[in-house]
Amino acid sequence: DVIENTPQAVVGISYPQDVNRFPGLAKAL
């Protein structure tokens, strides 16, 4: 997961916890 906060931009990205079990799918995400 990604959480970033700067004066210019805020970024929040969340992933399913177990998606890494499928490397090809994880790469597409």
mmCIF file of all heavy atoms, coordinates in Angstrom:
data_MODEL
# 
_entry.id   MODEL 
# 
loop_
_atom_site.group_PDB 
_atom_site.id 
_atom_site.type_symbol 
_atom_site.label_atom_id 
_atom_site.label_alt_id 
_atom_site.label_comp_id 
_atom_site.label_asym_id 
_atom_site.label_entity_id 
_atom_site.label_seq_id 
_atom_site.pdbx_PDB_ins_code 
_atom_site.Cartn_x 
_atom_site.Cartn_y 
_atom_site.Cartn_z 
_atom_site.occupancy 
_atom_site.B_iso_or_equiv 
_atom_site.pdbx_formal_charge 
_atom_site.auth_seq_id 
_atom_site.auth_comp_id 
_atom_site.auth_asym_id 
_atom_site.auth_atom_id 
_atom_site.pdbx_PDB_model_num 
ATOM 1   N N   . ASP A 1 1  ? 0.838  -1.195  0.000   1.00 0.00 ? 1  ASP A N   1 
ATOM 2   C CA  . ASP A 1 1  ? 0.000  0.000   0.000   1.00 0.00 ? 1  ASP A CA  1 
ATOM 3   C C   . ASP A 1 1  ? 0.877  1.249   0.000   1.00 0.00 ? 1  ASP A C   1 
ATOM 4   O O   . ASP A 1 1  ? 1.998  1.247   0.512   1.00 0.00 ? 1  ASP A O   1 
ATOM 5   C CB  . ASP A 1 1  ? -0.920 0.022   1.217   1.00 0.00 ? 1  ASP A CB  1 
ATOM 6   C CG  . ASP A 1 1  ? -1.969 -1.088  1.174   1.00 0.00 ? 1  ASP A CG  1 
ATOM 7   O OD1 . ASP A 1 1  ? -2.056 -1.779  0.139   1.00 0.00 ? 1  ASP A OD1 1 
ATOM 8   O OD2 . ASP A 1 1  ? -2.689 -1.259  2.177   1.00 0.00 ? 1  ASP A OD2 1 
ATOM 9   N N   . VAL A 1 2  ? 0.339  2.314   -0.599  1.00 0.00 ? 2  VAL A N   1 
ATOM 10  C CA  . VAL A 1 2  ? 1.086  3.572   -0.726  1.00 0.00 ? 2  VAL A CA  1 
ATOM 11  C C   . VAL A 1 2  ? 0.284  4.700   -0.078  1.00 0.00 ? 2  VAL A C   1 
ATOM 12  O O   . VAL A 1 2  ? -0.907 4.860   -0.351  1.00 0.00 ? 2  VAL A O   1 
ATOM 13  C CB  . VAL A 1 2  ? 1.340  3.912   -2.207  1.00 0.00 ? 2  VAL A CB  1 
ATOM 14  C CG1 . VAL A 1 2  ? 2.058  5.262   -2.330  1.00 0.00 ? 2  VAL A CG1 1 
ATOM 15  C CG2 . VAL A 1 2  ? 2.148  2.813   -2.887  1.00 0.00 ? 2  VAL A CG2 1 
ATOM 16  N N   . ILE A 1 3  ? 0.940  5.459   0.786   1.00 0.00 ? 3  ILE A N   1 
ATOM 17  C CA  . ILE A 1 3  ? 0.359  6.678   1.355   1.00 0.00 ? 3  ILE A CA  1 
ATOM 18  C C   . ILE A 1 3  ? 1.434  7.753   1.301   1.00 0.00 ? 3  ILE A C   1 
ATOM 19  O O   . ILE A 1 3  ? 2.482  7.638   1.949   1.00 0.00 ? 3  ILE A O   1 
ATOM 20  C CB  . ILE A 1 3  ? -0.107 6.475   2.810   1.00 0.00 ? 3  ILE A CB  1 
ATOM 21  C CG1 . ILE A 1 3  ? -1.180 5.384   2.888   1.00 0.00 ? 3  ILE A CG1 1 
ATOM 22  C CG2 . ILE A 1 3  ? -0.647 7.784   3.375   1.00 0.00 ? 3  ILE A CG2 1 
ATOM 23  C CD1 . ILE A 1 3  ? -1.643 5.087   4.305   1.00 0.00 ? 3  ILE A CD1 1 
ATOM 24  N N   . GLU A 1 4  ? 1.176  8.795   0.506   1.00 0.00 ? 4  GLU A N   1 
ATOM 25  C CA  . GLU A 1 4  ? 2.124  9.893   0.372   1.00 0.00 ? 4  GLU A CA  1 
ATOM 26  C C   . GLU A 1 4  ? 1.367  11.206  0.497   1.00 0.00 ? 4  GLU A C   1 
ATOM 27  O O   . GLU A 1 4  ? 0.252  11.344  -0.006  1.00 0.00 ? 4  GLU A O   1 
ATOM 28  C CB  . GLU A 1 4  ? 2.853  9.830   -0.974  1.00 0.00 ? 4  GLU A CB  1 
ATOM 29  C CG  . GLU A 1 4  ? 3.724  8.595   -1.154  1.00 0.00 ? 4  GLU A CG  1 
ATOM 30  C CD  . GLU A 1 4  ? 4.383  8.549   -2.515  1.00 0.00 ? 4  GLU A CD  1 
ATOM 31  O OE1 . GLU A 1 4  ? 4.145  9.477   -3.319  1.00 0.00 ? 4  GLU A OE1 1 
ATOM 32  O OE2 . GLU A 1 4  ? 5.136  7.589   -2.779  1.00 0.00 ? 4  GLU A OE2 1 
ATOM 33  N N   . ASN A 1 5  ? 1.986  12.170  1.157   1.00 0.00 ? 5  ASN A N   1 
ATOM 34  C CA  . ASN A 1 5  ? 1.337  13.456  1.375   1.00 0.00 ? 5  ASN A CA  1 
ATOM 35  C C   . ASN A 1 5  ? 2.372  14.560  1.262   1.00 0.00 ? 5  ASN A C   1 
ATOM 36  O O   . ASN A 1 5  ? 3.310  14.628  2.062   1.00 0.00 ? 5  ASN A O   1 
ATOM 37  C CB  . ASN A 1 5  ? 0.678  13.472  2.759   1.00 0.00 ? 5  ASN A CB  1 
ATOM 38  C CG  . ASN A 1 5  ? -0.304 14.630  2.909   1.00 0.00 ? 5  ASN A CG  1 
ATOM 39  O OD1 . ASN A 1 5  ? -0.209 15.622  2.197   1.00 0.00 ? 5  ASN A OD1 1 
ATOM 40  N ND2 . ASN A 1 5  ? -1.217 14.501  3.849   1.00 0.00 ? 5  ASN A ND2 1 
ATOM 41  N N   . THR A 1 6  ? 2.229  15.415  0.238   1.00 0.00 ? 6  THR A N   1 
ATOM 42  C CA  . THR A 1 6  ? 3.107  16.571  0.060   1.00 0.00 ? 6  THR A CA  1 
ATOM 43  C C   . THR A 1 6  ? 2.230  17.807  -0.113  1.00 0.00 ? 6  THR A C   1 
ATOM 44  O O   . THR A 1 6  ? 1.014  17.690  -0.311  1.00 0.00 ? 6  THR A O   1 
ATOM 45  C CB  . THR A 1 6  ? 4.001  16.394  -1.182  1.00 0.00 ? 6  THR A CB  1 
ATOM 46  O OG1 . THR A 1 6  ? 3.188  16.494  -2.364  1.00 0.00 ? 6  THR A OG1 1 
ATOM 47  C CG2 . THR A 1 6  ? 4.712  15.037  -1.167  1.00 0.00 ? 6  THR A CG2 1 
ATOM 48  N N   . PRO A 1 7  ? 2.811  18.999  -0.059  1.00 0.00 ? 7  PRO A N   1 
ATOM 49  C CA  . PRO A 1 7  ? 2.000  20.209  -0.261  1.00 0.00 ? 7  PRO A CA  1 
ATOM 50  C C   . PRO A 1 7  ? 1.313  20.256  -1.618  1.00 0.00 ? 7  PRO A C   1 
ATOM 51  O O   . PRO A 1 7  ? 0.302  20.928  -1.779  1.00 0.00 ? 7  PRO A O   1 
ATOM 52  C CB  . PRO A 1 7  ? 3.031  21.345  -0.120  1.00 0.00 ? 7  PRO A CB  1 
ATOM 53  C CG  . PRO A 1 7  ? 4.102  20.768  0.752   1.00 0.00 ? 7  PRO A CG  1 
ATOM 54  C CD  . PRO A 1 7  ? 4.189  19.329  0.357   1.00 0.00 ? 7  PRO A CD  1 
ATOM 55  N N   . GLN A 1 8  ? 1.853  19.536  -2.585  1.00 0.00 ? 8  GLN A N   1 
ATOM 56  C CA  . GLN A 1 8  ? 1.289  19.590  -3.927  1.00 0.00 ? 8  GLN A CA  1 
ATOM 57  C C   . GLN A 1 8  ? 0.363  18.430  -4.248  1.00 0.00 ? 8  GLN A C   1 
ATOM 58  O O   . GLN A 1 8  ? -0.531 18.564  -5.086  1.00 0.00 ? 8  GLN A O   1 
ATOM 59  C CB  . GLN A 1 8  ? 2.414  19.632  -4.972  1.00 0.00 ? 8  GLN A CB  1 
ATOM 60  C CG  . GLN A 1 8  ? 3.189  20.948  -4.982  1.00 0.00 ? 8  GLN A CG  1 
ATOM 61  C CD  . GLN A 1 8  ? 4.233  20.952  -6.075  1.00 0.00 ? 8  GLN A CD  1 
ATOM 62  O OE1 . GLN A 1 8  ? 4.992  20.000  -6.222  1.00 0.00 ? 8  GLN A OE1 1 
ATOM 63  N NE2 . GLN A 1 8  ? 4.285  22.028  -6.845  1.00 0.00 ? 8  GLN A NE2 1 
ATOM 64  N N   . ALA A 1 9  ? 0.565  17.271  -3.625  1.00 0.00 ? 9  ALA A N   1 
ATOM 65  C CA  . ALA A 1 9  ? -0.218 16.103  -4.020  1.00 0.00 ? 9  ALA A CA  1 
ATOM 66  C C   . ALA A 1 9  ? -0.361 15.112  -2.875  1.00 0.00 ? 9  ALA A C   1 
ATOM 67  O O   . ALA A 1 9  ? 0.502  15.014  -1.999  1.00 0.00 ? 9  ALA A O   1 
ATOM 68  C CB  . ALA A 1 9  ? 0.428  15.409  -5.224  1.00 0.00 ? 9  ALA A CB  1 
ATOM 69  N N   . VAL A 1 10 ? -1.464 14.383  -2.936  1.00 0.00 ? 10 VAL A N   1 
ATOM 70  C CA  . VAL A 1 10 ? -1.744 13.305  -1.990  1.00 0.00 ? 10 VAL A CA  1 
ATOM 71  C C   . VAL A 1 10 ? -1.966 12.035  -2.801  1.00 0.00 ? 10 VAL A C   1 
ATOM 72  O O   . VAL A 1 10 ? -2.714 12.033  -3.782  1.00 0.00 ? 10 VAL A O   1 
ATOM 73  C CB  . VAL A 1 10 ? -2.996 13.609  -1.142  1.00 0.00 ? 10 VAL A CB  1 
ATOM 74  C CG1 . VAL A 1 10 ? -3.321 12.430  -0.226  1.00 0.00 ? 10 VAL A CG1 1 
ATOM 75  C CG2 . VAL A 1 10 ? -2.796 14.884  -0.331  1.00 0.00 ? 10 VAL A CG2 1 
ATOM 76  N N   . VAL A 1 11 ? -1.319 10.939  -2.391  1.00 0.00 ? 11 VAL A N   1 
ATOM 77  C CA  . VAL A 1 11 ? -1.445 9.670   -3.101  1.00 0.00 ? 11 VAL A CA  1 
ATOM 78  C C   . VAL A 1 11 ? -1.831 8.582   -2.103  1.00 0.00 ? 11 VAL A C   1 
ATOM 79  O O   . VAL A 1 11 ? -1.194 8.440   -1.052  1.00 0.00 ? 11 VAL A O   1 
ATOM 80  C CB  . VAL A 1 11 ? -0.131 9.274   -3.811  1.00 0.00 ? 11 VAL A CB  1 
ATOM 81  C CG1 . VAL A 1 11 ? -0.268 7.894   -4.458  1.00 0.00 ? 11 VAL A CG1 1 
ATOM 82  C CG2 . VAL A 1 11 ? 0.247  10.313  -4.850  1.00 0.00 ? 11 VAL A CG2 1 
ATOM 83  N N   . GLY A 1 12 ? -2.869 7.831   -2.431  1.00 0.00 ? 12 GLY A N   1 
ATOM 84  C CA  . GLY A 1 12 ? -3.264 6.688   -1.620  1.00 0.00 ? 12 GLY A CA  1 
ATOM 85  C C   . GLY A 1 12 ? -3.627 5.517   -2.519  1.00 0.00 ? 12 GLY A C   1 
ATOM 86  O O   . GLY A 1 12 ? -4.526 5.638   -3.352  1.00 0.00 ? 12 GLY A O   1 
ATOM 87  N N   . ILE A 1 13 ? -2.910 4.413   -2.378  1.00 0.00 ? 13 ILE A N   1 
ATOM 88  C CA  . ILE A 1 13 ? -3.155 3.210   -3.194  1.00 0.00 ? 13 ILE A CA  1 
ATOM 89  C C   . ILE A 1 13 ? -3.187 2.006   -2.262  1.00 0.00 ? 13 ILE A C   1 
ATOM 90  O O   . ILE A 1 13 ? -2.285 1.836   -1.426  1.00 0.00 ? 13 ILE A O   1 
ATOM 91  C CB  . ILE A 1 13 ? -2.053 3.012   -4.263  1.00 0.00 ? 13 ILE A CB  1 
ATOM 92  C CG1 . ILE A 1 13 ? -1.935 4.245   -5.155  1.00 0.00 ? 13 ILE A CG1 1 
ATOM 93  C CG2 . ILE A 1 13 ? -2.348 1.775   -5.103  1.00 0.00 ? 13 ILE A CG2 1 
ATOM 94  C CD1 . ILE A 1 13 ? -0.767 4.174   -6.125  1.00 0.00 ? 13 ILE A CD1 1 
ATOM 95  N N   . SER A 1 14 ? -4.202 1.177   -2.390  1.00 0.00 ? 14 SER A N   1 
ATOM 96  C CA  . SER A 1 14 ? -4.304 -0.022  -1.556  1.00 0.00 ? 14 SER A CA  1 
ATOM 97  C C   . SER A 1 14 ? -4.513 -1.249  -2.426  1.00 0.00 ? 14 SER A C   1 
ATOM 98  O O   . SER A 1 14 ? -5.183 -1.186  -3.464  1.00 0.00 ? 14 SER A O   1 
ATOM 99  C CB  . SER A 1 14 ? -5.439 0.113   -0.543  1.00 0.00 ? 14 SER A CB  1 
ATOM 100 O OG  . SER A 1 14 ? -6.697 0.226   -1.205  1.00 0.00 ? 14 SER A OG  1 
ATOM 101 N N   . TYR A 1 15 ? -3.928 -2.376  -1.971  1.00 0.00 ? 15 TYR A N   1 
ATOM 102 C CA  . TYR A 1 15 ? -3.990 -3.636  -2.702  1.00 0.00 ? 15 TYR A CA  1 
ATOM 103 C C   . TYR A 1 15 ? -4.573 -4.729  -1.799  1.00 0.00 ? 15 TYR A C   1 
ATOM 104 O O   . TYR A 1 15 ? -4.447 -4.659  -0.572  1.00 0.00 ? 15 TYR A O   1 
ATOM 105 C CB  . TYR A 1 15 ? -2.597 -4.080  -3.142  1.00 0.00 ? 15 TYR A CB  1 
ATOM 106 C CG  . TYR A 1 15 ? -1.882 -3.139  -4.074  1.00 0.00 ? 15 TYR A CG  1 
ATOM 107 C CD1 . TYR A 1 15 ? -0.922 -2.230  -3.596  1.00 0.00 ? 15 TYR A CD1 1 
ATOM 108 C CD2 . TYR A 1 15 ? -2.131 -3.153  -5.435  1.00 0.00 ? 15 TYR A CD2 1 
ATOM 109 C CE1 . TYR A 1 15 ? -0.254 -1.374  -4.452  1.00 0.00 ? 15 TYR A CE1 1 
ATOM 110 C CE2 . TYR A 1 15 ? -1.461 -2.299  -6.304  1.00 0.00 ? 15 TYR A CE2 1 
ATOM 111 C CZ  . TYR A 1 15 ? -0.529 -1.410  -5.802  1.00 0.00 ? 15 TYR A CZ  1 
ATOM 112 O OH  . TYR A 1 15 ? 0.135  -0.564  -6.654  1.00 0.00 ? 15 TYR A OH  1 
ATOM 113 N N   . PRO A 1 16 ? -5.169 -5.776  -2.399  1.00 0.00 ? 16 PRO A N   1 
ATOM 114 C CA  . PRO A 1 16 ? -5.551 -6.942  -1.601  1.00 0.00 ? 16 PRO A CA  1 
ATOM 115 C C   . PRO A 1 16 ? -4.309 -7.578  -0.970  1.00 0.00 ? 16 PRO A C   1 
ATOM 116 O O   . PRO A 1 16 ? -3.252 -7.640  -1.604  1.00 0.00 ? 16 PRO A O   1 
ATOM 117 C CB  . PRO A 1 16 ? -6.195 -7.889  -2.630  1.00 0.00 ? 16 PRO A CB  1 
ATOM 118 C CG  . PRO A 1 16 ? -6.560 -7.019  -3.783  1.00 0.00 ? 16 PRO A CG  1 
ATOM 119 C CD  . PRO A 1 16 ? -5.549 -5.921  -3.811  1.00 0.00 ? 16 PRO A CD  1 
ATOM 120 N N   . GLN A 1 17 ? -4.433 -8.064  0.245   1.00 0.00 ? 17 GLN A N   1 
ATOM 121 C CA  . GLN A 1 17 ? -3.256 -8.550  0.972   1.00 0.00 ? 17 GLN A CA  1 
ATOM 122 C C   . GLN A 1 17 ? -2.582 -9.739  0.296   1.00 0.00 ? 17 GLN A C   1 
ATOM 123 O O   . GLN A 1 17 ? -1.367 -9.869  0.342   1.00 0.00 ? 17 GLN A O   1 
ATOM 124 C CB  . GLN A 1 17 ? -3.648 -8.923  2.399   1.00 0.00 ? 17 GLN A CB  1 
ATOM 125 C CG  . GLN A 1 17 ? -4.001 -7.719  3.266   1.00 0.00 ? 17 GLN A CG  1 
ATOM 126 C CD  . GLN A 1 17 ? -4.287 -8.109  4.703   1.00 0.00 ? 17 GLN A CD  1 
ATOM 127 O OE1 . GLN A 1 17 ? -4.408 -9.291  5.021   1.00 0.00 ? 17 GLN A OE1 1 
ATOM 128 N NE2 . GLN A 1 17 ? -4.404 -7.127  5.571   1.00 0.00 ? 17 GLN A NE2 1 
ATOM 129 N N   . ASP A 1 18 ? -3.367 -10.630 -0.309  1.00 0.00 ? 18 ASP A N   1 
ATOM 130 C CA  . ASP A 1 18 ? -2.787 -11.870 -0.825  1.00 0.00 ? 18 ASP A CA  1 
ATOM 131 C C   . ASP A 1 18 ? -2.642 -11.906 -2.337  1.00 0.00 ? 18 ASP A C   1 
ATOM 132 O O   . ASP A 1 18 ? -2.442 -12.965 -2.929  1.00 0.00 ? 18 ASP A O   1 
ATOM 133 C CB  . ASP A 1 18 ? -3.628 -13.067 -0.372  1.00 0.00 ? 18 ASP A CB  1 
ATOM 134 C CG  . ASP A 1 18 ? -5.077 -12.970 -0.848  1.00 0.00 ? 18 ASP A CG  1 
ATOM 135 O OD1 . ASP A 1 18 ? -5.459 -11.900 -1.369  1.00 0.00 ? 18 ASP A OD1 1 
ATOM 136 O OD2 . ASP A 1 18 ? -5.825 -13.958 -0.703  1.00 0.00 ? 18 ASP A OD2 1 
ATOM 137 N N   . VAL A 1 19 ? -2.703 -10.753 -2.995  1.00 0.00 ? 19 VAL A N   1 
ATOM 138 C CA  . VAL A 1 19 ? -2.621 -10.753 -4.454  1.00 0.00 ? 19 VAL A CA  1 
ATOM 139 C C   . VAL A 1 19 ? -1.238 -11.158 -4.947  1.00 0.00 ? 19 VAL A C   1 
ATOM 140 O O   . VAL A 1 19 ? -1.078 -11.611 -6.096  1.00 0.00 ? 19 VAL A O   1 
ATOM 141 C CB  . VAL A 1 19 ? -3.005 -9.370  -5.012  1.00 0.00 ? 19 VAL A CB  1 
ATOM 142 C CG1 . VAL A 1 19 ? -1.912 -8.349  -4.759  1.00 0.00 ? 19 VAL A CG1 1 
ATOM 143 C CG2 . VAL A 1 19 ? -3.328 -9.445  -6.506  1.00 0.00 ? 19 VAL A CG2 1 
ATOM 144 N N   . ASN A 1 20 ? -0.231 -11.064 -4.080  1.00 0.00 ? 20 ASN A N   1 
ATOM 145 C CA  . ASN A 1 20 ? 1.123  -11.436 -4.493  1.00 0.00 ? 20 ASN A CA  1 
ATOM 146 C C   . ASN A 1 20 ? 1.256  -12.927 -4.786  1.00 0.00 ? 20 ASN A C   1 
ATOM 147 O O   . ASN A 1 20 ? 2.275  -13.354 -5.339  1.00 0.00 ? 20 ASN A O   1 
ATOM 148 C CB  . ASN A 1 20 ? 2.123  -11.028 -3.413  1.00 0.00 ? 20 ASN A CB  1 
ATOM 149 C CG  . ASN A 1 20 ? 2.161  -9.520  -3.209  1.00 0.00 ? 20 ASN A CG  1 
ATOM 150 O OD1 . ASN A 1 20 ? 2.325  -8.768  -4.163  1.00 0.00 ? 20 ASN A OD1 1 
ATOM 151 N ND2 . ASN A 1 20 ? 1.994  -9.079  -1.974  1.00 0.00 ? 20 ASN A ND2 1 
ATOM 152 N N   . ARG A 1 21 ? 0.228  -13.714 -4.418  1.00 0.00 ? 21 ARG A N   1 
ATOM 153 C CA  . ARG A 1 21 ? 0.255  -15.144 -4.753  1.00 0.00 ? 21 ARG A CA  1 
ATOM 154 C C   . ARG A 1 21 ? 0.152  -15.366 -6.255  1.00 0.00 ? 21 ARG A C   1 
ATOM 155 O O   . ARG A 1 21 ? 0.432  -16.459 -6.750  1.00 0.00 ? 21 ARG A O   1 
ATOM 156 C CB  . ARG A 1 21 ? -0.915 -15.861 -4.066  1.00 0.00 ? 21 ARG A CB  1 
ATOM 157 C CG  . ARG A 1 21 ? -0.812 -15.889 -2.550  1.00 0.00 ? 21 ARG A CG  1 
ATOM 158 C CD  . ARG A 1 21 ? -1.868 -16.799 -1.942  1.00 0.00 ? 21 ARG A CD  1 
ATOM 159 N NE  . ARG A 1 21 ? -3.215 -16.298 -2.150  1.00 0.00 ? 21 ARG A NE  1 
ATOM 160 C CZ  . ARG A 1 21 ? -4.161 -16.912 -2.843  1.00 0.00 ? 21 ARG A CZ  1 
ATOM 161 N NH1 . ARG A 1 21 ? -3.911 -18.058 -3.452  1.00 0.00 ? 21 ARG A NH1 1 
ATOM 162 N NH2 . ARG A 1 21 ? -5.367 -16.392 -2.950  1.00 0.00 ? 21 ARG A NH2 1 
ATOM 163 N N   . PHE A 1 22 ? -0.271 -14.344 -6.984  1.00 0.00 ? 22 PHE A N   1 
ATOM 164 C CA  . PHE A 1 22 ? -0.439 -14.432 -8.436  1.00 0.00 ? 22 PHE A CA  1 
ATOM 165 C C   . PHE A 1 22 ? 0.469  -13.377 -9.083  1.00 0.00 ? 22 PHE A C   1 
ATOM 166 O O   . PHE A 1 22 ? 0.034  -12.245 -9.343  1.00 0.00 ? 22 PHE A O   1 
ATOM 167 C CB  . PHE A 1 22 ? -1.892 -14.188 -8.819  1.00 0.00 ? 22 PHE A CB  1 
ATOM 168 C CG  . PHE A 1 22 ? -2.876 -15.032 -8.040  1.00 0.00 ? 22 PHE A CG  1 
ATOM 169 C CD1 . PHE A 1 22 ? -3.579 -14.496 -6.967  1.00 0.00 ? 22 PHE A CD1 1 
ATOM 170 C CD2 . PHE A 1 22 ? -3.090 -16.360 -8.374  1.00 0.00 ? 22 PHE A CD2 1 
ATOM 171 C CE1 . PHE A 1 22 ? -4.481 -15.262 -6.247  1.00 0.00 ? 22 PHE A CE1 1 
ATOM 172 C CE2 . PHE A 1 22 ? -3.992 -17.142 -7.657  1.00 0.00 ? 22 PHE A CE2 1 
ATOM 173 C CZ  . PHE A 1 22 ? -4.683 -16.589 -6.587  1.00 0.00 ? 22 PHE A CZ  1 
ATOM 174 N N   . PRO A 1 23 ? 1.732  -13.718 -9.331  1.00 0.00 ? 23 PRO A N   1 
ATOM 175 C CA  . PRO A 1 23 ? 2.701  -12.716 -9.793  1.00 0.00 ? 23 PRO A CA  1 
ATOM 176 C C   . PRO A 1 23 ? 2.282  -11.974 -11.063 1.00 0.00 ? 23 PRO A C   1 
ATOM 177 O O   . PRO A 1 23 ? 2.489  -10.759 -11.157 1.00 0.00 ? 23 PRO A O   1 
ATOM 178 C CB  . PRO A 1 23 ? 3.974  -13.550 -10.030 1.00 0.00 ? 23 PRO A CB  1 
ATOM 179 C CG  . PRO A 1 23 ? 3.825  -14.729 -9.128  1.00 0.00 ? 23 PRO A CG  1 
ATOM 180 C CD  . PRO A 1 23 ? 2.364  -15.042 -9.103  1.00 0.00 ? 23 PRO A CD  1 
ATOM 181 N N   . GLY A 1 24 ? 1.723  -12.695 -12.038 1.00 0.00 ? 24 GLY A N   1 
ATOM 182 C CA  . GLY A 1 24 ? 1.308  -12.026 -13.271 1.00 0.00 ? 24 GLY A CA  1 
ATOM 183 C C   . GLY A 1 24 ? 0.202  -11.015 -13.033 1.00 0.00 ? 24 GLY A C   1 
ATOM 184 O O   . GLY A 1 24 ? 0.193  -9.922  -13.609 1.00 0.00 ? 24 GLY A O   1 
ATOM 185 N N   . LEU A 1 25 ? -0.746 -11.374 -12.191 1.00 0.00 ? 25 LEU A N   1 
ATOM 186 C CA  . LEU A 1 25 ? -1.831 -10.459 -11.837 1.00 0.00 ? 25 LEU A CA  1 
ATOM 187 C C   . LEU A 1 25 ? -1.284 -9.272  -11.056 1.00 0.00 ? 25 LEU A C   1 
ATOM 188 O O   . LEU A 1 25 ? -1.661 -8.111  -11.306 1.00 0.00 ? 25 LEU A O   1 
ATOM 189 C CB  . LEU A 1 25 ? -2.883 -11.205 -11.023 1.00 0.00 ? 25 LEU A CB  1 
ATOM 190 C CG  . LEU A 1 25 ? -4.031 -10.384 -10.441 1.00 0.00 ? 25 LEU A CG  1 
ATOM 191 C CD1 . LEU A 1 25 ? -4.800 -9.654  -11.535 1.00 0.00 ? 25 LEU A CD1 1 
ATOM 192 C CD2 . LEU A 1 25 ? -4.972 -11.274 -9.632  1.00 0.00 ? 25 LEU A CD2 1 
ATOM 193 N N   . ALA A 1 26 ? -0.403 -9.535  -10.106 1.00 0.00 ? 26 ALA A N   1 
ATOM 194 C CA  . ALA A 1 26 ? 0.192  -8.456  -9.317  1.00 0.00 ? 26 ALA A CA  1 
ATOM 195 C C   . ALA A 1 26 ? 0.918  -7.456  -10.219 1.00 0.00 ? 26 ALA A C   1 
ATOM 196 O O   . ALA A 1 26 ? 0.844  -6.235  -10.011 1.00 0.00 ? 26 ALA A O   1 
ATOM 197 C CB  . ALA A 1 26 ? 1.154  -9.029  -8.284  1.00 0.00 ? 26 ALA A CB  1 
ATOM 198 N N   . LYS A 1 27 ? 1.599  -7.951  -11.236 1.00 0.00 ? 27 LYS A N   1 
ATOM 199 C CA  . LYS A 1 27 ? 2.308  -7.057  -12.157 1.00 0.00 ? 27 LYS A CA  1 
ATOM 200 C C   . LYS A 1 27 ? 1.325  -6.184  -12.928 1.00 0.00 ? 27 LYS A C   1 
ATOM 201 O O   . LYS A 1 27 ? 1.573  -4.992  -13.154 1.00 0.00 ? 27 LYS A O   1 
ATOM 202 C CB  . LYS A 1 27 ? 3.167  -7.854  -13.124 1.00 0.00 ? 27 LYS A CB  1 
ATOM 203 C CG  . LYS A 1 27 ? 4.007  -6.969  -14.063 1.00 0.00 ? 27 LYS A CG  1 
ATOM 204 C CD  . LYS A 1 27 ? 4.884  -7.790  -14.975 1.00 0.00 ? 27 LYS A CD  1 
ATOM 205 C CE  . LYS A 1 27 ? 5.792  -6.878  -15.805 1.00 0.00 ? 27 LYS A CE  1 
ATOM 206 N NZ  . LYS A 1 27 ? 5.060  -5.839  -16.564 1.00 0.00 ? 27 LYS A NZ  1 
ATOM 207 N N   . ALA A 1 28 ? 0.184  -6.765  -13.343 1.00 0.00 ? 28 ALA A N   1 
ATOM 208 C CA  . ALA A 1 28 ? -0.812 -5.981  -14.075 1.00 0.00 ? 28 ALA A CA  1 
ATOM 209 C C   . ALA A 1 28 ? -1.366 -4.856  -13.199 1.00 0.00 ? 28 ALA A C   1 
ATOM 210 O O   . ALA A 1 28 ? -1.556 -3.728  -13.668 1.00 0.00 ? 28 ALA A O   1 
ATOM 211 C CB  . ALA A 1 28 ? -1.941 -6.896  -14.546 1.00 0.00 ? 28 ALA A CB  1 
ATOM 212 N N   . LEU A 1 29 ? -1.615 -5.151  -11.927 1.00 0.00 ? 29 LEU A N   1 
ATOM 213 C CA  . LEU A 1 29 ? -2.097 -4.114  -11.011 1.00 0.00 ? 29 LEU A CA  1 
ATOM 214 C C   . LEU A 1 29 ? -1.033 -3.038  -10.811 1.00 0.00 ? 29 LEU A C   1 
ATOM 215 O O   . LEU A 1 29 ? -1.330 -1.839  -10.800 1.00 0.00 ? 29 LEU A O   1 
ATOM 216 C CB  . LEU A 1 29 ? -2.474 -4.727  -9.665  1.00 0.00 ? 29 LEU A CB  1 
ATOM 217 C CG  . LEU A 1 29 ? -3.489 -5.874  -9.658  1.00 0.00 ? 29 LEU A CG  1 
ATOM 218 C CD1 . LEU A 1 29 ? -3.904 -6.200  -8.220  1.00 0.00 ? 29 LEU A CD1 1 
ATOM 219 C CD2 . LEU A 1 29 ? -4.708 -5.549  -10.499 1.00 0.00 ? 29 LEU A CD2 1 
# 
